[in-house]
Protein backbone atom coordinates (compact mmCIF):
# COMPACT_ATOMS: atom_id res chain seq x y z
CA MET A 1 -13.60 -8.14 11.45
CA LYS A 2 -15.73 -11.28 10.55
CA ARG A 3 -18.84 -8.94 10.66
CA ASN A 4 -17.23 -6.45 8.35
CA SER A 5 -16.44 -9.40 5.80
CA ILE A 6 -20.03 -10.39 5.78
CA ILE A 7 -21.35 -7.12 5.23
CA ILE A 8 -18.71 -6.34 2.58
CA SER A 9 -19.71 -9.65 0.81
CA ALA A 10 -23.42 -9.10 0.98
CA THR A 11 -22.94 -5.60 -0.24
CA ILE A 12 -20.99 -7.08 -3.26
CA ILE A 13 -23.62 -9.71 -3.91
CA MET A 14 -26.43 -7.09 -3.58
CA ALA A 15 -24.59 -4.86 -6.33
CA ILE A 16 -24.20 -8.00 -8.79
CA VAL A 17 -28.08 -8.76 -8.39
CA ILE A 18 -28.77 -5.42 -8.92
CA ALA A 19 -26.94 -4.97 -11.83
CA ALA A 20 -27.99 -8.30 -13.27
CA CYS A 21 -31.46 -7.25 -13.30
CA GLN A 22 -31.18 -4.02 -14.72
CA THR A 23 -31.27 -3.92 -18.85
CA GLN A 24 -29.55 -0.31 -19.06
CA THR A 25 -26.92 1.01 -16.79
CA ASP A 26 -28.62 4.55 -16.41
CA GLN A 27 -31.95 2.88 -15.54
CA GLY A 28 -32.96 4.14 -12.05
CA ILE A 29 -32.79 1.96 -8.95
CA GLU A 30 -34.00 2.16 -5.51
CA SER A 31 -31.19 2.84 -2.90
CA ARG A 32 -31.02 4.40 0.22
CA TRP A 33 -27.18 5.21 -0.07
CA ALA A 34 -25.72 3.37 -3.04
CA GLY A 35 -26.81 5.63 -5.84
CA GLU A 36 -29.56 6.25 -8.26
CA THR A 37 -28.30 4.25 -11.25
CA VAL A 38 -26.37 0.77 -11.19
CA GLN A 39 -23.16 2.44 -12.20
CA GLY A 40 -23.49 4.99 -9.33
CA ALA A 41 -24.31 2.12 -7.16
CA ILE A 42 -21.17 0.04 -8.08
CA GLN A 43 -19.11 3.17 -7.64
CA SER A 44 -20.41 3.87 -3.96
CA ILE A 45 -19.81 0.36 -3.00
CA GLU A 46 -16.34 0.13 -4.43
CA ASN A 47 -15.79 3.23 -2.44
CA GLN A 48 -17.14 1.77 0.80
CA ILE A 49 -15.23 -1.38 0.55
CA GLY A 50 -11.96 0.67 -0.33
CA GLY A 51 -8.62 -0.65 -1.84
CA PHE A 52 -5.64 -2.16 -0.37
CA ASP A 53 -6.00 -0.25 2.68
CA GLN A 54 -8.67 -2.09 4.39
CA THR A 55 -6.44 -5.26 3.46
CA MET A 56 -3.96 -3.67 5.65
CA ILE A 57 -5.98 -3.04 8.31
CA GLU A 58 -6.88 -6.81 8.76
CA THR A 59 -3.58 -7.72 8.00
CA ASN A 60 -2.36 -5.46 10.94
CA TYR A 61 -5.00 -7.19 13.37
CA ARG A 62 -4.06 -10.56 12.11
CA TYR A 63 -0.21 -9.92 12.48
CA ASN A 64 -0.64 -9.08 16.16
CA GLU A 65 -3.13 -11.87 16.77
CA LEU A 66 -0.55 -14.13 15.16
CA TYR A 67 2.57 -13.02 17.15
CA TRP A 68 0.89 -13.62 20.59
CA ALA A 69 -0.48 -16.91 19.46
CA GLY A 70 2.95 -18.02 18.86
CA GLN A 71 3.92 -16.44 22.13
CA ASP A 72 1.36 -18.86 24.01
CA GLU A 73 2.24 -21.47 22.05
CA ASN A 74 -1.27 -21.76 20.51
CA TRP A 75 -0.60 -23.24 17.39
CA GLY A 76 -4.10 -23.70 16.32
CA PHE A 77 -4.79 -20.18 16.69
CA ALA A 78 -1.52 -19.20 14.89
CA GLU A 79 -2.40 -21.24 11.86
CA TYR A 80 -5.85 -19.86 11.67
CA GLN A 81 -4.45 -16.05 11.79
CA LEU A 82 -2.03 -16.78 9.25
CA ASP A 83 -4.61 -18.70 7.07
CA GLU A 84 -6.99 -15.76 7.51
CA MET A 85 -4.27 -12.95 6.89
CA LEU A 86 -3.45 -14.82 3.52
CA GLY A 87 -7.15 -14.91 2.70
CA SER A 88 -7.37 -11.34 3.18
CA LEU A 89 -4.58 -10.51 1.12
CA GLU A 90 -6.12 -12.49 -1.71
CA LYS A 91 -9.07 -10.55 -1.54
CA GLY A 92 -7.11 -7.24 -1.42
CA PHE A 93 -5.54 -8.56 -4.79
CA VAL A 94 -8.80 -8.75 -6.48
CA ARG A 95 -9.19 -4.96 -5.58
CA ARG A 96 -5.63 -3.97 -6.44
CA PRO A 97 -4.03 -6.55 -8.64
CA GLU A 98 -1.10 -4.64 -8.92
CA ARG A 99 0.09 -5.31 -5.28
CA GLN A 100 0.49 -8.50 -5.94
CA ALA A 101 3.83 -8.74 -7.45
CA SER A 102 5.36 -6.68 -4.53
CA SER A 103 3.76 -9.05 -1.97
CA ALA A 104 5.24 -12.23 -3.98
CA GLN A 105 8.23 -12.76 -1.60
CA PHE A 106 5.75 -12.25 1.33
CA VAL A 107 3.02 -14.88 0.17
CA ASP A 108 5.48 -17.27 -1.41
CA GLN A 109 8.14 -17.57 0.81
CA ALA A 110 7.83 -15.87 4.40
CA ALA A 111 4.41 -17.14 4.96
CA PRO A 112 4.88 -20.72 3.98
CA ARG A 113 8.27 -20.93 6.23
CA LEU A 114 6.44 -19.28 9.15
CA MET A 115 3.73 -21.98 8.52
CA GLN A 116 6.25 -24.63 8.71
CA ALA A 117 7.51 -23.26 12.28
CA ILE A 118 3.83 -22.92 13.40
CA GLU A 119 3.26 -26.52 12.27
CA SER A 120 6.15 -27.76 13.90
CA GLY A 121 5.03 -26.33 17.59
CA ASP A 122 8.81 -24.80 17.95
CA LYS A 123 8.40 -21.70 19.82
CA GLU A 124 12.14 -20.72 19.00
CA ALA A 125 11.36 -21.58 15.20
CA PHE A 126 8.48 -19.20 15.35
CA VAL A 127 10.34 -16.42 16.81
CA GLU A 128 12.91 -16.55 14.12
CA SER A 129 10.50 -17.06 11.47
CA PHE A 130 8.20 -14.19 12.38
CA ARG A 131 11.22 -11.88 12.77
CA ARG A 132 11.50 -12.71 9.17
CA PHE A 133 8.13 -12.39 8.28
CA ALA A 134 8.26 -9.03 9.54
CA SER A 135 11.18 -7.93 7.54
CA SER A 136 9.20 -9.33 4.77
CA CYS A 137 6.60 -6.93 5.23
CA ASN A 138 9.14 -4.10 5.27
CA THR A 139 10.25 -5.31 2.27
CA CYS A 140 6.78 -5.15 0.24
CA HIS A 141 6.28 -1.77 1.72
CA THR A 142 9.57 -0.62 0.26
CA MET A 143 8.66 -2.08 -3.02
CA GLU A 144 5.41 -0.13 -2.81
CA ASP A 145 6.89 3.19 -2.31
CA VAL A 146 5.63 3.32 1.43
CA ALA A 147 8.82 2.71 3.19
CA PHE A 148 7.85 4.88 6.01
CA ILE A 149 5.32 2.02 7.06
CA GLN A 150 7.68 -0.20 9.33
CA VAL A 151 6.42 -3.34 10.73
CA THR A 152 8.08 -4.21 13.89
CA ILE A 153 7.64 -7.36 16.59
CA PRO A 154 4.57 -6.06 18.65
CA GLU A 155 5.75 -5.29 22.13
CA ILE A 156 2.14 -4.59 23.87
CA ARG A 157 -0.42 -7.12 23.85
CA THR A 158 -3.85 -5.98 23.00
CA SER A 159 -5.37 -9.33 22.18
CA LEU A 160 -8.12 -10.65 24.13
CA VAL A 161 -7.29 -14.00 23.36
CA ARG A 162 -5.17 -16.14 25.98
CA PHE A 163 -4.30 -19.89 25.80
């Protein structure tokens, strides 16, 4: 996940530098895959980065890691995963700002409550907060007309991290 974020960041920086060096948007550029013009390169890079679906892929990964961190009472790892998840969402809102309104109850209420449970080191509080956290995901999905995507509490551990 980190490697993908680095590649995406480097690609965005490359596009900005290319755009800044160009005096006309139709001027040709040298590129292996991004396009022959600045506008073509920007479009290609945007297509590579994707929309909010890429954010959801990372969120899914971090959601699972977060859950198992709480089960292990690995509070540092749980806090890290929640922070990274929220950071990923913020990046997603840059690409799809219209998604931010639906996720407000998740970002502004459910996530802070879960962080409080993590910071308390209380596993029972974590389990209850995580249940509400999952429900908040589903509320957002309903608001975005993708109610067919239902988040549940993980049952199978795929994480390689153990505490």
